[in-house]
Amino acid sequence: MLRHRFAPIDDAVRSRSPLLVLVADDDTIIPVAHSRALFDAWAGAKTWRNVAGADHNTLGATREFWQAIEAFLTAH
């Protein structure tokens, strides 16, 4: 489907920006292992938040999602 190569790991190892990763525990679109690989490769400061019971399309409807964003923005 994509005509251009998308290699986020290549960029992650060079990134020094703070990263917040919010992962839906039951994500049916992006496997948690893919998110974890990107997180592990990230060179900068990083925060991982797993939201239990959420799916890809319901993640933003959880209180934990918005609390994590607020805390991350406050810290950075």
N, C-alpha and C. Protein backbone atom coordinates (compact mmCIF):
# COMPACT_ATOMS: atom_id res chain seq x y z
N MET A 1 0.81 -1.19 0.00
CA MET A 1 0.00 0.00 0.00
C MET A 1 0.85 1.26 0.00
N LEU A 2 1.90 1.25 0.80
CA LEU A 2 2.74 2.44 0.88
C LEU A 2 3.83 2.41 -0.18
N ARG A 3 4.04 3.52 -0.84
CA ARG A 3 5.07 3.59 -1.86
C ARG A 3 6.42 3.96 -1.28
N HIS A 4 6.41 4.57 -0.11
CA HIS A 4 7.64 5.02 0.51
C HIS A 4 7.90 4.20 1.77
N ARG A 5 9.16 3.87 1.95
CA ARG A 5 9.55 3.08 3.11
C ARG A 5 9.33 3.88 4.40
N PHE A 6 8.73 3.26 5.37
CA PHE A 6 8.50 3.88 6.67
C PHE A 6 9.26 3.06 7.69
N ALA A 7 10.34 3.65 8.22
CA ALA A 7 11.20 2.92 9.15
C ALA A 7 11.37 3.73 10.43
N PRO A 8 10.39 3.68 11.33
CA PRO A 8 10.45 4.51 12.53
C PRO A 8 11.61 4.17 13.47
N ILE A 9 12.06 2.93 13.47
CA ILE A 9 13.17 2.54 14.35
C ILE A 9 14.43 3.30 13.95
N ASP A 10 14.64 3.49 12.65
CA ASP A 10 15.81 4.24 12.18
C ASP A 10 15.82 5.66 12.73
N ASP A 11 14.66 6.27 12.82
CA ASP A 11 14.56 7.63 13.36
C ASP A 11 14.62 7.63 14.89
N ALA A 12 14.07 6.61 15.50
CA ALA A 12 14.00 6.55 16.98
C ALA A 12 15.38 6.53 17.61
N VAL A 13 16.31 5.83 17.02
CA VAL A 13 17.65 5.72 17.62
C VAL A 13 18.40 7.05 17.59
N ARG A 14 17.92 8.00 16.78
CA ARG A 14 18.55 9.31 16.71
C ARG A 14 17.77 10.40 17.45
N SER A 15 16.59 10.09 17.90
CA SER A 15 15.73 11.11 18.50
C SER A 15 16.08 11.35 19.96
N ARG A 16 16.20 12.61 20.31
CA ARG A 16 16.48 13.00 21.69
C ARG A 16 15.27 13.68 22.34
N SER A 17 14.17 13.79 21.62
CA SER A 17 12.96 14.42 22.15
C SER A 17 12.30 13.50 23.17
N PRO A 18 11.64 14.09 24.17
CA PRO A 18 10.89 13.25 25.12
C PRO A 18 9.76 12.52 24.39
N LEU A 19 9.50 11.31 24.81
CA LEU A 19 8.50 10.48 24.16
C LEU A 19 7.52 9.95 25.20
N LEU A 20 6.24 10.05 24.88
CA LEU A 20 5.19 9.42 25.68
C LEU A 20 4.53 8.38 24.79
N VAL A 21 4.55 7.13 25.22
CA VAL A 21 3.89 6.05 24.48
C VAL A 21 2.71 5.58 25.31
N LEU A 22 1.53 5.73 24.75
CA LEU A 22 0.29 5.27 25.37
C LEU A 22 -0.18 4.06 24.58
N VAL A 23 -0.23 2.93 25.24
CA VAL A 23 -0.53 1.67 24.56
C VAL A 23 -1.84 1.09 25.07
N ALA A 24 -2.72 0.78 24.14
CA ALA A 24 -3.96 0.09 24.48
C ALA A 24 -3.64 -1.38 24.71
N ASP A 25 -3.99 -1.86 25.86
CA ASP A 25 -3.70 -3.24 26.24
C ASP A 25 -4.28 -4.25 25.25
N ASP A 26 -5.42 -3.94 24.67
CA ASP A 26 -6.10 -4.85 23.74
C ASP A 26 -6.12 -4.29 22.32
N ASP A 27 -5.05 -3.61 21.91
CA ASP A 27 -4.99 -2.98 20.59
C ASP A 27 -5.03 -4.04 19.49
N THR A 28 -6.00 -3.92 18.61
CA THR A 28 -6.14 -4.86 17.49
C THR A 28 -5.57 -4.30 16.20
N ILE A 29 -5.05 -3.07 16.24
CA ILE A 29 -4.49 -2.42 15.05
C ILE A 29 -2.96 -2.44 15.09
N ILE A 30 -2.39 -2.00 16.19
CA ILE A 30 -0.93 -1.95 16.35
C ILE A 30 -0.54 -2.91 17.48
N PRO A 31 0.16 -3.98 17.16
CA PRO A 31 0.57 -4.92 18.20
C PRO A 31 1.44 -4.24 19.26
N VAL A 32 1.22 -4.58 20.52
CA VAL A 32 2.00 -3.99 21.61
C VAL A 32 3.49 -4.20 21.38
N ALA A 33 3.87 -5.31 20.80
CA ALA A 33 5.29 -5.59 20.52
C ALA A 33 5.89 -4.55 19.59
N HIS A 34 5.12 -4.04 18.64
CA HIS A 34 5.63 -3.00 17.74
C HIS A 34 5.87 -1.70 18.50
N SER A 35 4.93 -1.36 19.36
CA SER A 35 5.10 -0.16 20.18
C SER A 35 6.31 -0.30 21.11
N ARG A 36 6.47 -1.47 21.67
CA ARG A 36 7.58 -1.72 22.60
C ARG A 36 8.92 -1.62 21.87
N ALA A 37 9.00 -2.12 20.65
CA ALA A 37 10.25 -2.06 19.88
C ALA A 37 10.64 -0.61 19.61
N LEU A 38 9.67 0.21 19.25
CA LEU A 38 9.95 1.62 19.02
C LEU A 38 10.36 2.31 20.32
N PHE A 39 9.67 2.02 21.39
CA PHE A 39 9.99 2.58 22.70
C PHE A 39 11.41 2.19 23.12
N ASP A 40 11.74 0.93 22.98
CA ASP A 40 13.06 0.45 23.39
C ASP A 40 14.18 1.09 22.57
N ALA A 41 13.91 1.40 21.32
CA ALA A 41 14.93 1.99 20.45
C ALA A 41 15.10 3.49 20.67
N TRP A 42 14.12 4.13 21.28
CA TRP A 42 14.12 5.59 21.44
C TRP A 42 15.33 6.03 22.25
N ALA A 43 16.05 7.03 21.74
CA ALA A 43 17.29 7.49 22.39
C ALA A 43 17.03 8.51 23.49
N GLY A 44 15.95 9.25 23.39
CA GLY A 44 15.67 10.29 24.37
C GLY A 44 14.93 9.77 25.59
N ALA A 45 14.57 10.72 26.45
CA ALA A 45 13.76 10.38 27.63
C ALA A 45 12.43 9.81 27.16
N LYS A 46 11.94 8.80 27.87
CA LYS A 46 10.72 8.14 27.41
C LYS A 46 9.88 7.65 28.58
N THR A 47 8.57 7.63 28.33
CA THR A 47 7.60 7.18 29.31
C THR A 47 6.65 6.20 28.63
N TRP A 48 6.44 5.06 29.27
CA TRP A 48 5.53 4.03 28.75
C TRP A 48 4.31 3.96 29.64
N ARG A 49 3.14 4.02 29.05
CA ARG A 49 1.89 3.86 29.81
C ARG A 49 1.01 2.85 29.09
N ASN A 50 0.70 1.79 29.78
CA ASN A 50 -0.19 0.76 29.26
C ASN A 50 -1.58 1.02 29.83
N VAL A 51 -2.58 1.09 28.97
CA VAL A 51 -3.95 1.34 29.41
C VAL A 51 -4.73 0.03 29.31
N ALA A 52 -4.97 -0.57 30.46
CA ALA A 52 -5.66 -1.86 30.52
C ALA A 52 -7.10 -1.75 30.04
N GLY A 53 -7.52 -2.73 29.26
CA GLY A 53 -8.90 -2.80 28.80
C GLY A 53 -9.22 -1.91 27.62
N ALA A 54 -8.27 -1.12 27.15
CA ALA A 54 -8.53 -0.23 26.02
C ALA A 54 -8.13 -0.90 24.71
N ASP A 55 -8.78 -0.48 23.63
CA ASP A 55 -8.45 -0.91 22.28
C ASP A 55 -7.92 0.32 21.53
N HIS A 56 -7.45 0.11 20.33
CA HIS A 56 -6.90 1.19 19.52
C HIS A 56 -7.87 2.37 19.41
N ASN A 57 -9.13 2.07 19.20
CA ASN A 57 -10.12 3.12 18.97
C ASN A 57 -10.81 3.61 20.23
N THR A 58 -10.53 3.03 21.39
CA THR A 58 -11.14 3.48 22.63
C THR A 58 -10.12 4.07 23.60
N LEU A 59 -8.86 4.04 23.22
CA LEU A 59 -7.79 4.51 24.10
C LEU A 59 -8.03 5.94 24.58
N GLY A 60 -8.41 6.81 23.67
CA GLY A 60 -8.62 8.22 24.01
C GLY A 60 -9.84 8.49 24.86
N ALA A 61 -10.66 7.49 25.06
CA ALA A 61 -11.87 7.65 25.88
C ALA A 61 -11.62 7.28 27.34
N THR A 62 -10.38 6.95 27.67
CA THR A 62 -10.08 6.55 29.04
C THR A 62 -9.50 7.70 29.84
N ARG A 63 -9.77 7.68 31.12
CA ARG A 63 -9.21 8.68 32.02
C ARG A 63 -7.69 8.57 32.09
N GLU A 64 -7.18 7.34 32.10
CA GLU A 64 -5.72 7.11 32.18
C GLU A 64 -4.99 7.77 31.02
N PHE A 65 -5.57 7.73 29.84
CA PHE A 65 -4.97 8.34 28.65
C PHE A 65 -4.73 9.84 28.88
N TRP A 66 -5.76 10.54 29.31
CA TRP A 66 -5.66 11.99 29.48
C TRP A 66 -4.82 12.37 30.69
N GLN A 67 -4.86 11.57 31.73
CA GLN A 67 -4.01 11.83 32.89
C GLN A 67 -2.53 11.67 32.52
N ALA A 68 -2.22 10.68 31.70
CA ALA A 68 -0.83 10.47 31.28
C ALA A 68 -0.35 11.63 30.41
N ILE A 69 -1.20 12.12 29.53
CA ILE A 69 -0.83 13.26 28.69
C ILE A 69 -0.60 14.50 29.55
N GLU A 70 -1.50 14.75 30.48
CA GLU A 70 -1.34 15.90 31.36
C GLU A 70 -0.04 15.82 32.15
N ALA A 71 0.25 14.67 32.72
CA ALA A 71 1.47 14.50 33.51
C ALA A 71 2.72 14.68 32.63
N PHE A 72 2.69 14.14 31.43
CA PHE A 72 3.83 14.26 30.51
C PHE A 72 4.07 15.71 30.12
N LEU A 73 3.00 16.40 29.75
CA LEU A 73 3.15 17.82 29.36
C LEU A 73 3.60 18.69 30.53
N THR A 74 3.11 18.40 31.71
CA THR A 74 3.53 19.14 32.89
C THR A 74 5.02 18.93 33.16
N ALA A 75 5.48 17.70 32.98
CA ALA A 75 6.88 17.37 33.25
C ALA A 75 7.83 17.92 32.18
N HIS A 76 7.31 18.12 30.97
CA HIS A 76 8.18 18.56 29.88
C HIS A 76 7.76 19.91 29.37
